[in-house]
Amino acid sequence: MVEYKQRPTEERDIPELLENMREPDKEALMASHGFSPEQGVEHALSVSRDAITGLADGKLVCVYGSQRLTVLGTIGLPWMFSTNELPKHYRAFARKSLRGLEAWRAEYSLLYVMVDRRNTAAWRWISWLGFILAGTQEVGEDKILFDEFVMGVEL
């Protein structure tokens, strides 16, 4: 039986995350911000106070967290980077991610996520969690389609 564990992200998690990051996450970072994986992870961790690492039998599956849109605001921007281990443990991860979602819903009045449309796994996960598709934007020089999802407000 696989042991699933979540804990606060530690500096030692970063090399494993970067070495095994899924291609769709790398592509989304480049398309949305022009960031390399290293830059994207560094930025996400610098603006988030609640980064969590998900493990399966000691192997890193994902790192996720959230940030406030503004310092005093109540809009939360969740983010996640996953490794190639995620597809092997998708169901267990999805169930455990509900706990993180509950904490975010208690902290923020609105959650807002942009998902690279090419990342079908992320799209399915966000939809499964109950986020509502609110719009689409062309992002970056290549005009990659990103879908906007929200939770916490009536549309």
C-alpha atoms as a PDB file:
ATOM      1  CA  MET A   1       0.000   0.000   0.000  1.00  0.00           C
ATOM      2  CA  VAL A   2       1.295   3.416  -0.968  1.00  0.00           C
ATOM      3  CA  GLU A   3       1.852   5.930   1.820  1.00  0.00           C
ATOM      4  CA  TYR A   4       0.603   9.416   0.903  1.00  0.00           C
ATOM      5  CA  LYS A   5       1.829  12.355   2.896  1.00  0.00           C
ATOM      6  CA  GLN A   6       1.573  16.140   2.752  1.00  0.00           C
ATOM      7  CA  ARG A   7       3.871  18.501   4.607  1.00  0.00           C
ATOM      8  CA  PRO A   8       5.164  22.063   4.393  1.00  0.00           C
ATOM      9  CA  THR A   9       7.512  22.507   1.448  1.00  0.00           C
ATOM     10  CA  GLU A  10      11.198  22.469   2.310  1.00  0.00           C
ATOM     11  CA  GLU A  11      14.210  23.756   0.378  1.00  0.00           C
ATOM     12  CA  ARG A  12      15.327  20.160  -0.230  1.00  0.00           C
ATOM     13  CA  ASP A  13      12.142  19.534  -2.282  1.00  0.00           C
ATOM     14  CA  ILE A  14      13.070  22.006  -5.016  1.00  0.00           C
ATOM     15  CA  PRO A  15      15.774  20.001  -6.877  1.00  0.00           C
ATOM     16  CA  GLU A  16      13.525  16.925  -7.083  1.00  0.00           C
ATOM     17  CA  LEU A  17      10.589  19.037  -8.272  1.00  0.00           C
ATOM     18  CA  LEU A  18      12.678  20.733 -10.961  1.00  0.00           C
ATOM     19  CA  GLU A  19      14.262  17.467 -12.124  1.00  0.00           C
ATOM     20  CA  ASN A  20      10.884  15.737 -12.523  1.00  0.00           C
ATOM     21  CA  MET A  21       8.463  18.564 -13.360  1.00  0.00           C
ATOM     22  CA  ARG A  22       5.776  17.588 -15.880  1.00  0.00           C
ATOM     23  CA  GLU A  23       6.142  19.128 -19.331  1.00  0.00           C
ATOM     24  CA  PRO A  24       2.653  20.731 -19.255  1.00  0.00           C
ATOM     25  CA  ASP A  25       3.659  22.684 -16.128  1.00  0.00           C
ATOM     26  CA  LYS A  26       6.894  23.844 -17.783  1.00  0.00           C
ATOM     27  CA  GLU A  27       4.968  24.898 -20.891  1.00  0.00           C
ATOM     28  CA  ALA A  28       2.395  26.821 -18.865  1.00  0.00           C
ATOM     29  CA  LEU A  29       5.118  28.707 -16.961  1.00  0.00           C
ATOM     30  CA  MET A  30       6.812  29.741 -20.187  1.00  0.00           C
ATOM     31  CA  ALA A  31       3.543  30.708 -21.894  1.00  0.00           C
ATOM     32  CA  SER A  32       2.064  32.649 -18.972  1.00  0.00           C
ATOM     33  CA  HIS A  33       5.099  34.398 -17.499  1.00  0.00           C
ATOM     34  CA  GLY A  34       8.076  33.654 -19.732  1.00  0.00           C
ATOM     35  CA  PHE A  35       9.563  31.813 -16.738  1.00  0.00           C
ATOM     36  CA  SER A  36      11.870  28.823 -16.726  1.00  0.00           C
ATOM     37  CA  PRO A  37      10.860  26.126 -14.222  1.00  0.00           C
ATOM     38  CA  GLU A  38      13.472  27.462 -11.798  1.00  0.00           C
ATOM     39  CA  GLN A  39      12.146  31.014 -12.073  1.00  0.00           C
ATOM     40  CA  GLY A  40       8.542  29.873 -11.752  1.00  0.00           C
ATOM     41  CA  VAL A  41       9.145  27.814  -8.629  1.00  0.00           C
ATOM     42  CA  GLU A  42      11.241  30.559  -7.046  1.00  0.00           C
ATOM     43  CA  HIS A  43       8.521  33.142  -7.752  1.00  0.00           C
ATOM     44  CA  ALA A  44       5.663  30.944  -6.500  1.00  0.00           C
ATOM     45  CA  LEU A  45       7.456  30.138  -3.261  1.00  0.00           C
ATOM     46  CA  SER A  46       8.406  33.781  -2.698  1.00  0.00           C
ATOM     47  CA  VAL A  47       4.781  34.978  -2.871  1.00  0.00           C
ATOM     48  CA  SER A  48       3.143  32.059  -1.062  1.00  0.00           C
ATOM     49  CA  ARG A  49       3.119  31.501   2.659  1.00  0.00           C
ATOM     50  CA  ASP A  50       1.495  28.086   2.604  1.00  0.00           C
ATOM     51  CA  ALA A  51       3.442  25.929   0.145  1.00  0.00           C
ATOM     52  CA  ILE A  52       2.730  22.215   0.610  1.00  0.00           C
ATOM     53  CA  THR A  53       4.616  19.213  -0.757  1.00  0.00           C
ATOM     54  CA  GLY A  54       2.730  16.047  -1.666  1.00  0.00           C
ATOM     55  CA  LEU A  55       4.622  12.751  -1.462  1.00  0.00           C
ATOM     56  CA  ALA A  56       3.861   9.137  -2.412  1.00  0.00           C
ATOM     57  CA  ASP A  57       6.150   6.610  -0.739  1.00  0.00           C
ATOM     58  CA  GLY A  58       8.660   9.405  -0.263  1.00  0.00           C
ATOM     59  CA  LYS A  59       8.641  10.491  -3.922  1.00  0.00           C
ATOM     60  CA  LEU A  60       7.640  14.055  -4.650  1.00  0.00           C
ATOM     61  CA  VAL A  61       4.301  14.244  -6.482  1.00  0.00           C
ATOM     62  CA  CYS A  62       3.569  17.978  -6.331  1.00  0.00           C
ATOM     63  CA  VAL A  63       4.158  21.310  -4.653  1.00  0.00           C
ATOM     64  CA  TYR A  64       1.211  23.666  -4.333  1.00  0.00           C
ATOM     65  CA  GLY A  65       0.113  26.780  -2.519  1.00  0.00           C
ATOM     66  CA  SER A  66      -1.692  30.068  -2.895  1.00  0.00           C
ATOM     67  CA  GLN A  67      -1.076  33.767  -2.804  1.00  0.00           C
ATOM     68  CA  ARG A  68      -3.247  36.804  -2.228  1.00  0.00           C
ATOM     69  CA  LEU A  69      -3.983  38.935  -5.279  1.00  0.00           C
ATOM     70  CA  THR A  70      -3.321  42.017  -3.130  1.00  0.00           C
ATOM     71  CA  VAL A  71      -1.831  42.339   0.335  1.00  0.00           C
ATOM     72  CA  LEU A  72      -5.137  43.236   2.021  1.00  0.00           C
ATOM     73  CA  GLY A  73      -7.474  41.525  -0.431  1.00  0.00           C
ATOM     74  CA  THR A  74      -9.492  38.349  -0.073  1.00  0.00           C
ATOM     75  CA  ILE A  75      -8.896  36.929  -3.558  1.00  0.00           C
ATOM     76  CA  GLY A  76      -6.668  33.865  -3.570  1.00  0.00           C
ATOM     77  CA  LEU A  77      -4.591  32.613  -6.472  1.00  0.00           C
ATOM     78  CA  PRO A  78      -3.867  28.878  -6.054  1.00  0.00           C
ATOM     79  CA  TRP A  79      -0.949  27.353  -7.969  1.00  0.00           C
ATOM     80  CA  MET A  80       0.571  23.896  -8.350  1.00  0.00           C
ATOM     81  CA  PHE A  81       3.587  22.251  -9.939  1.00  0.00           C
ATOM     82  CA  SER A  82       3.537  18.495 -10.407  1.00  0.00           C
ATOM     83  CA  THR A  83       6.077  15.816 -11.215  1.00  0.00           C
ATOM     84  CA  ASN A  84       5.864  12.801 -13.472  1.00  0.00           C
ATOM     85  CA  GLU A  85       4.753  10.834 -10.383  1.00  0.00           C
ATOM     86  CA  LEU A  86       1.362  12.579 -10.347  1.00  0.00           C
ATOM     87  CA  PRO A  87      -0.338  10.454 -13.035  1.00  0.00           C
ATOM     88  CA  LYS A  88       0.492   7.307 -11.021  1.00  0.00           C
ATOM     89  CA  HIS A  89      -1.242   8.706  -7.919  1.00  0.00           C
ATOM     90  CA  TYR A  90      -3.891  10.990  -9.383  1.00  0.00           C
ATOM     91  CA  ARG A  91      -6.911   9.660  -7.450  1.00  0.00           C
ATOM     92  CA  ALA A  92      -5.262   9.734  -4.039  1.00  0.00           C
ATOM     93  CA  PHE A  93      -3.883  13.201  -4.749  1.00  0.00           C
ATOM     94  CA  ALA A  94      -7.294  14.479  -5.860  1.00  0.00           C
ATOM     95  CA  ARG A  95      -8.930  13.271  -2.640  1.00  0.00           C
ATOM     96  CA  LYS A  96      -6.237  14.847  -0.470  1.00  0.00           C
ATOM     97  CA  SER A  97      -6.376  18.122  -2.398  1.00  0.00           C
ATOM     98  CA  LEU A  98      -9.908  18.662  -1.138  1.00  0.00           C
ATOM     99  CA  ARG A  99      -8.447  19.444   2.319  1.00  0.00           C
ATOM    100  CA  GLY A 100      -6.281  22.198   0.895  1.00  0.00           C
ATOM    101  CA  LEU A 101      -9.254  23.577  -0.987  1.00  0.00           C
ATOM    102  CA  GLU A 102     -11.312  23.737   2.226  1.00  0.00           C
ATOM    103  CA  ALA A 103      -8.561  25.768   3.901  1.00  0.00           C
ATOM    104  CA  TRP A 104      -8.370  28.180   0.962  1.00  0.00           C
ATOM    105  CA  ARG A 105     -12.142  28.615   0.894  1.00  0.00           C
ATOM    106  CA  ALA A 106     -12.057  29.560   4.579  1.00  0.00           C
ATOM    107  CA  GLU A 107      -9.293  32.100   3.951  1.00  0.00           C
ATOM    108  CA  TYR A 108     -10.377  33.682   0.656  1.00  0.00           C
ATOM    109  CA  SER A 109     -13.727  35.004  -0.552  1.00  0.00           C
ATOM    110  CA  LEU A 110     -12.816  34.143  -4.151  1.00  0.00           C
ATOM    111  CA  LEU A 111     -10.348  31.719  -5.705  1.00  0.00           C
ATOM    112  CA  TYR A 112      -9.087  32.487  -9.218  1.00  0.00           C
ATOM    113  CA  VAL A 113      -7.033  30.122 -11.369  1.00  0.00           C
ATOM    114  CA  MET A 114      -5.780  30.318 -14.935  1.00  0.00           C
ATOM    115  CA  VAL A 115      -5.143  26.954 -16.604  1.00  0.00           C
ATOM    116  CA  ASP A 116      -3.245  26.412 -19.833  1.00  0.00           C
ATOM    117  CA  ARG A 117      -5.826  24.742 -22.038  1.00  0.00           C
ATOM    118  CA  ARG A 118      -3.177  22.296 -23.294  1.00  0.00           C
ATOM    119  CA  ASN A 119      -2.798  20.927 -19.749  1.00  0.00           C
ATOM    120  CA  THR A 120      -5.800  18.610 -19.811  1.00  0.00           C
ATOM    121  CA  ALA A 121      -4.952  16.953 -16.480  1.00  0.00           C
ATOM    122  CA  ALA A 122      -4.966  20.314 -14.667  1.00  0.00           C
ATOM    123  CA  TRP A 123      -8.164  21.303 -16.460  1.00  0.00           C
ATOM    124  CA  ARG A 124      -9.931  18.121 -15.319  1.00  0.00           C
ATOM    125  CA  TRP A 125      -8.663  18.482 -11.741  1.00  0.00           C
ATOM    126  CA  ILE A 126      -9.786  22.112 -11.405  1.00  0.00           C
ATOM    127  CA  SER A 127     -13.203  21.226 -12.836  1.00  0.00           C
ATOM    128  CA  TRP A 128     -13.512  18.197 -10.522  1.00  0.00           C
ATOM    129  CA  LEU A 129     -12.763  20.417  -7.512  1.00  0.00           C
ATOM    130  CA  GLY A 130     -15.790  22.515  -8.436  1.00  0.00           C
ATOM    131  CA  PHE A 131     -14.224  25.590 -10.003  1.00  0.00           C
ATOM    132  CA  ILE A 132     -16.431  27.311 -12.580  1.00  0.00           C
ATOM    133  CA  LEU A 133     -15.139  28.228 -16.025  1.00  0.00           C
ATOM    134  CA  ALA A 134     -15.384  32.022 -16.188  1.00  0.00           C
ATOM    135  CA  GLY A 135     -13.572  32.974 -19.376  1.00  0.00           C
ATOM    136  CA  THR A 136     -10.637  32.468 -21.702  1.00  0.00           C
ATOM    137  CA  GLN A 137      -7.610  34.642 -22.443  1.00  0.00           C
ATOM    138  CA  GLU A 138      -4.911  34.528 -25.068  1.00  0.00           C
ATOM    139  CA  VAL A 139      -1.646  34.786 -23.156  1.00  0.00           C
ATOM    140  CA  GLY A 140       1.875  35.709 -24.210  1.00  0.00           C
ATOM    141  CA  GLU A 141       3.501  36.280 -27.561  1.00  0.00           C
ATOM    142  CA  ASP A 142       2.237  32.936 -28.877  1.00  0.00           C
ATOM    143  CA  LYS A 143      -1.329  33.732 -27.766  1.00  0.00           C
ATOM    144  CA  ILE A 144      -1.735  30.435 -25.890  1.00  0.00           C
ATOM    145  CA  LEU A 145      -5.272  29.913 -24.603  1.00  0.00           C
ATOM    146  CA  PHE A 146      -5.648  29.929 -20.831  1.00  0.00           C
ATOM    147  CA  ASP A 147      -9.016  29.243 -19.230  1.00  0.00           C
ATOM    148  CA  GLU A 148     -10.019  31.282 -16.184  1.00  0.00           C
ATOM    149  CA  PHE A 149     -11.729  29.429 -13.334  1.00  0.00           C
ATOM    150  CA  VAL A 150     -13.305  30.840 -10.177  1.00  0.00           C
ATOM    151  CA  MET A 151     -14.791  29.527  -6.975  1.00  0.00           C
ATOM    152  CA  GLY A 152     -16.564  31.363  -4.211  1.00  0.00           C
ATOM    153  CA  VAL A 153     -18.794  33.818  -6.008  1.00  0.00           C
ATOM    154  CA  GLU A 154     -22.090  33.520  -7.854  1.00  0.00           C
ATOM    155  CA  LEU A 155     -21.659  34.318 -11.541  1.00  0.00           C
END
